[in-house]
Amino acid sequence: MRTSSPEAIVVMVSCPGDRAEAIASALVDESLCACVNIVGNMRSVYRWEGKVLAEEESLLVMKTMGKMYDKLEARIKEIHPYELPEIIALKIENGSQSYLNWINDSISKA
């Protein structure tokens, strides 16, 4: 999903647990996201190159604005250890307006 809208979005990215903090910190530090929640101890089952695999991972739940998506996706691909990282963006349909304003303000100061 490519978006260039100014609307708030949530971007989900799975990654190895030992890389989650570094990825999250880099993206917030670079003002690509206002906040990244790290959900640990997740088990992913997936098909890769014809095999069904299972791995322990963490899920990064990122809050940002649609206008940042292209830069965010590019940066994730630069720092993520996977050949094909999961990068899924969802529009936030409803939410606390003050929180949504905070997301926008946090990334706009970069």
C-alpha atoms as a PDB file:
ATOM      1  CA  MET A   1       0.000   0.000   0.000  1.00  0.00           C
ATOM      2  CA  ARG A   2       1.533   3.276  -1.049  1.00  0.00           C
ATOM      3  CA  THR A   3       0.076   6.357   0.493  1.00  0.00           C
ATOM      4  CA  SER A   4       1.044   9.984   0.443  1.00  0.00           C
ATOM      5  CA  SER A   5      -1.897  11.244   2.461  1.00  0.00           C
ATOM      6  CA  PRO A   6      -1.470  13.318   5.592  1.00  0.00           C
ATOM      7  CA  GLU A   7      -3.614  10.855   7.555  1.00  0.00           C
ATOM      8  CA  ALA A   8      -2.290   8.966  10.541  1.00  0.00           C
ATOM      9  CA  ILE A   9      -1.315   5.357   9.888  1.00  0.00           C
ATOM     10  CA  VAL A  10      -0.107   2.326  11.806  1.00  0.00           C
ATOM     11  CA  VAL A  11       2.757   0.382  10.242  1.00  0.00           C
ATOM     12  CA  MET A  12       3.449  -3.152  11.418  1.00  0.00           C
ATOM     13  CA  VAL A  13       6.840  -4.800  10.961  1.00  0.00           C
ATOM     14  CA  SER A  14       8.002  -8.132  12.338  1.00  0.00           C
ATOM     15  CA  CYS A  15      11.676  -8.579  13.166  1.00  0.00           C
ATOM     16  CA  PRO A  16      14.079 -10.645  15.263  1.00  0.00           C
ATOM     17  CA  GLY A  17      13.613  -9.805  18.929  1.00  0.00           C
ATOM     18  CA  ASP A  18      17.248  -8.850  19.381  1.00  0.00           C
ATOM     19  CA  ARG A  19      16.933  -6.155  16.679  1.00  0.00           C
ATOM     20  CA  ALA A  20      13.571  -4.684  17.707  1.00  0.00           C
ATOM     21  CA  GLU A  21      14.859  -1.975  20.066  1.00  0.00           C
ATOM     22  CA  ALA A  22      17.533  -0.758  17.646  1.00  0.00           C
ATOM     23  CA  ILE A  23      15.098  -0.544  14.729  1.00  0.00           C
ATOM     24  CA  ALA A  24      12.435   1.190  16.828  1.00  0.00           C
ATOM     25  CA  SER A  25      14.902   3.671  18.304  1.00  0.00           C
ATOM     26  CA  ALA A  26      16.366   4.575  14.914  1.00  0.00           C
ATOM     27  CA  LEU A  27      12.942   5.243  13.374  1.00  0.00           C
ATOM     28  CA  VAL A  28      11.773   7.420  16.272  1.00  0.00           C
ATOM     29  CA  ASP A  29      15.123   9.218  16.502  1.00  0.00           C
ATOM     30  CA  GLU A  30      14.929  10.021  12.782  1.00  0.00           C
ATOM     31  CA  SER A  31      11.344  11.326  13.248  1.00  0.00           C
ATOM     32  CA  LEU A  32       9.912   8.792  10.822  1.00  0.00           C
ATOM     33  CA  CYS A  33       7.557   7.580  13.568  1.00  0.00           C
ATOM     34  CA  ALA A  34       6.117   9.285  16.620  1.00  0.00           C
ATOM     35  CA  CYS A  35       6.052   6.049  18.585  1.00  0.00           C
ATOM     36  CA  VAL A  36       6.936   2.377  18.121  1.00  0.00           C
ATOM     37  CA  ASN A  37       5.491  -0.293  20.399  1.00  0.00           C
ATOM     38  CA  ILE A  38       7.511  -3.496  20.641  1.00  0.00           C
ATOM     39  CA  VAL A  39       5.385  -6.594  21.148  1.00  0.00           C
ATOM     40  CA  GLY A  40       7.769  -9.374  22.094  1.00  0.00           C
ATOM     41  CA  ASN A  41       7.589 -13.148  22.244  1.00  0.00           C
ATOM     42  CA  MET A  42       5.580 -13.510  19.070  1.00  0.00           C
ATOM     43  CA  ARG A  43       5.790 -16.716  17.065  1.00  0.00           C
ATOM     44  CA  SER A  44       5.411 -16.409  13.297  1.00  0.00           C
ATOM     45  CA  VAL A  45       4.585 -19.346  11.037  1.00  0.00           C
ATOM     46  CA  TYR A  46       5.099 -18.608   7.351  1.00  0.00           C
ATOM     47  CA  ARG A  47       5.979 -20.069   3.975  1.00  0.00           C
ATOM     48  CA  TRP A  48       9.380 -19.089   2.574  1.00  0.00           C
ATOM     49  CA  GLU A  49      11.039 -20.580  -0.494  1.00  0.00           C
ATOM     50  CA  GLY A  50       8.680 -23.569  -0.511  1.00  0.00           C
ATOM     51  CA  LYS A  51       9.083 -24.451   3.172  1.00  0.00           C
ATOM     52  CA  VAL A  52       6.859 -23.775   6.176  1.00  0.00           C
ATOM     53  CA  LEU A  53       8.989 -22.159   8.878  1.00  0.00           C
ATOM     54  CA  ALA A  54       8.368 -20.951  12.418  1.00  0.00           C
ATOM     55  CA  GLU A  55      10.402 -18.264  14.173  1.00  0.00           C
ATOM     56  CA  GLU A  56      10.354 -16.276  17.380  1.00  0.00           C
ATOM     57  CA  GLU A  57       9.985 -12.596  16.539  1.00  0.00           C
ATOM     58  CA  SER A  58       8.881  -9.235  17.864  1.00  0.00           C
ATOM     59  CA  LEU A  59       6.219  -7.077  16.263  1.00  0.00           C
ATOM     60  CA  LEU A  60       6.885  -3.373  15.831  1.00  0.00           C
ATOM     61  CA  VAL A  61       3.701  -1.282  15.838  1.00  0.00           C
ATOM     62  CA  MET A  62       4.595   2.148  14.467  1.00  0.00           C
ATOM     63  CA  LYS A  63       2.476   5.303  14.539  1.00  0.00           C
ATOM     64  CA  THR A  64       3.209   7.860  11.848  1.00  0.00           C
ATOM     65  CA  MET A  65       1.583   9.891   9.092  1.00  0.00           C
ATOM     66  CA  GLY A  66       0.806   8.676   5.593  1.00  0.00           C
ATOM     67  CA  LYS A  67       3.036  11.356   4.101  1.00  0.00           C
ATOM     68  CA  MET A  68       6.022   9.636   5.783  1.00  0.00           C
ATOM     69  CA  TYR A  69       5.305   6.154   4.463  1.00  0.00           C
ATOM     70  CA  ASP A  70       7.709   6.084   1.504  1.00  0.00           C
ATOM     71  CA  LYS A  71      10.648   7.363   3.587  1.00  0.00           C
ATOM     72  CA  LEU A  72       9.749   4.995   6.429  1.00  0.00           C
ATOM     73  CA  GLU A  73       9.531   1.964   4.140  1.00  0.00           C
ATOM     74  CA  ALA A  74      12.880   2.796   2.526  1.00  0.00           C
ATOM     75  CA  ARG A  75      14.579   3.219   5.904  1.00  0.00           C
ATOM     76  CA  ILE A  76      13.119  -0.015   7.275  1.00  0.00           C
ATOM     77  CA  LYS A  77      14.504  -1.873   4.260  1.00  0.00           C
ATOM     78  CA  GLU A  78      17.954  -0.320   4.892  1.00  0.00           C
ATOM     79  CA  ILE A  79      18.194  -1.363   8.550  1.00  0.00           C
ATOM     80  CA  HIS A  80      16.076  -4.548   8.687  1.00  0.00           C
ATOM     81  CA  PRO A  81      17.990  -7.834   8.619  1.00  0.00           C
ATOM     82  CA  TYR A  82      15.427  -9.745   6.509  1.00  0.00           C
ATOM     83  CA  GLU A  83      15.651 -10.030   2.736  1.00  0.00           C
ATOM     84  CA  LEU A  84      11.891  -9.388   2.565  1.00  0.00           C
ATOM     85  CA  PRO A  85      10.636  -7.665   5.714  1.00  0.00           C
ATOM     86  CA  GLU A  86       6.945  -7.528   6.515  1.00  0.00           C
ATOM     87  CA  ILE A  87       5.875  -3.893   6.144  1.00  0.00           C
ATOM     88  CA  ILE A  88       2.113  -3.386   6.374  1.00  0.00           C
ATOM     89  CA  ALA A  89       0.425   0.007   6.714  1.00  0.00           C
ATOM     90  CA  LEU A  90      -3.140   0.578   7.888  1.00  0.00           C
ATOM     91  CA  LYS A  91      -4.992   3.884   7.925  1.00  0.00           C
ATOM     92  CA  ILE A  92      -6.266   4.983  11.305  1.00  0.00           C
ATOM     93  CA  GLU A  93      -9.976   5.510  10.701  1.00  0.00           C
ATOM     94  CA  ASN A  94     -10.787   6.898  14.147  1.00  0.00           C
ATOM     95  CA  GLY A  95      -8.843   7.887  17.223  1.00  0.00           C
ATOM     96  CA  SER A  96      -8.317  10.482  19.894  1.00  0.00           C
ATOM     97  CA  GLN A  97      -7.818  13.724  17.999  1.00  0.00           C
ATOM     98  CA  SER A  98      -5.265  14.956  20.522  1.00  0.00           C
ATOM     99  CA  TYR A  99      -3.246  11.737  20.075  1.00  0.00           C
ATOM    100  CA  LEU A 100      -3.459  11.973  16.289  1.00  0.00           C
ATOM    101  CA  ASN A 101      -2.299  15.606  16.505  1.00  0.00           C
ATOM    102  CA  TRP A 102       0.634  14.482  18.667  1.00  0.00           C
ATOM    103  CA  ILE A 103       1.651  11.935  16.003  1.00  0.00           C
ATOM    104  CA  ASN A 104       1.625  14.634  13.342  1.00  0.00           C
ATOM    105  CA  ASP A 105       3.446  17.155  15.534  1.00  0.00           C
ATOM    106  CA  SER A 106       6.106  14.600  16.509  1.00  0.00           C
ATOM    107  CA  ILE A 107       7.137  13.803  12.961  1.00  0.00           C
ATOM    108  CA  SER A 108       6.656  17.326  11.615  1.00  0.00           C
ATOM    109  CA  LYS A 109       9.397  18.721  13.860  1.00  0.00           C
ATOM    110  CA  ALA A 110      12.081  16.820  11.977  1.00  0.00           C
END
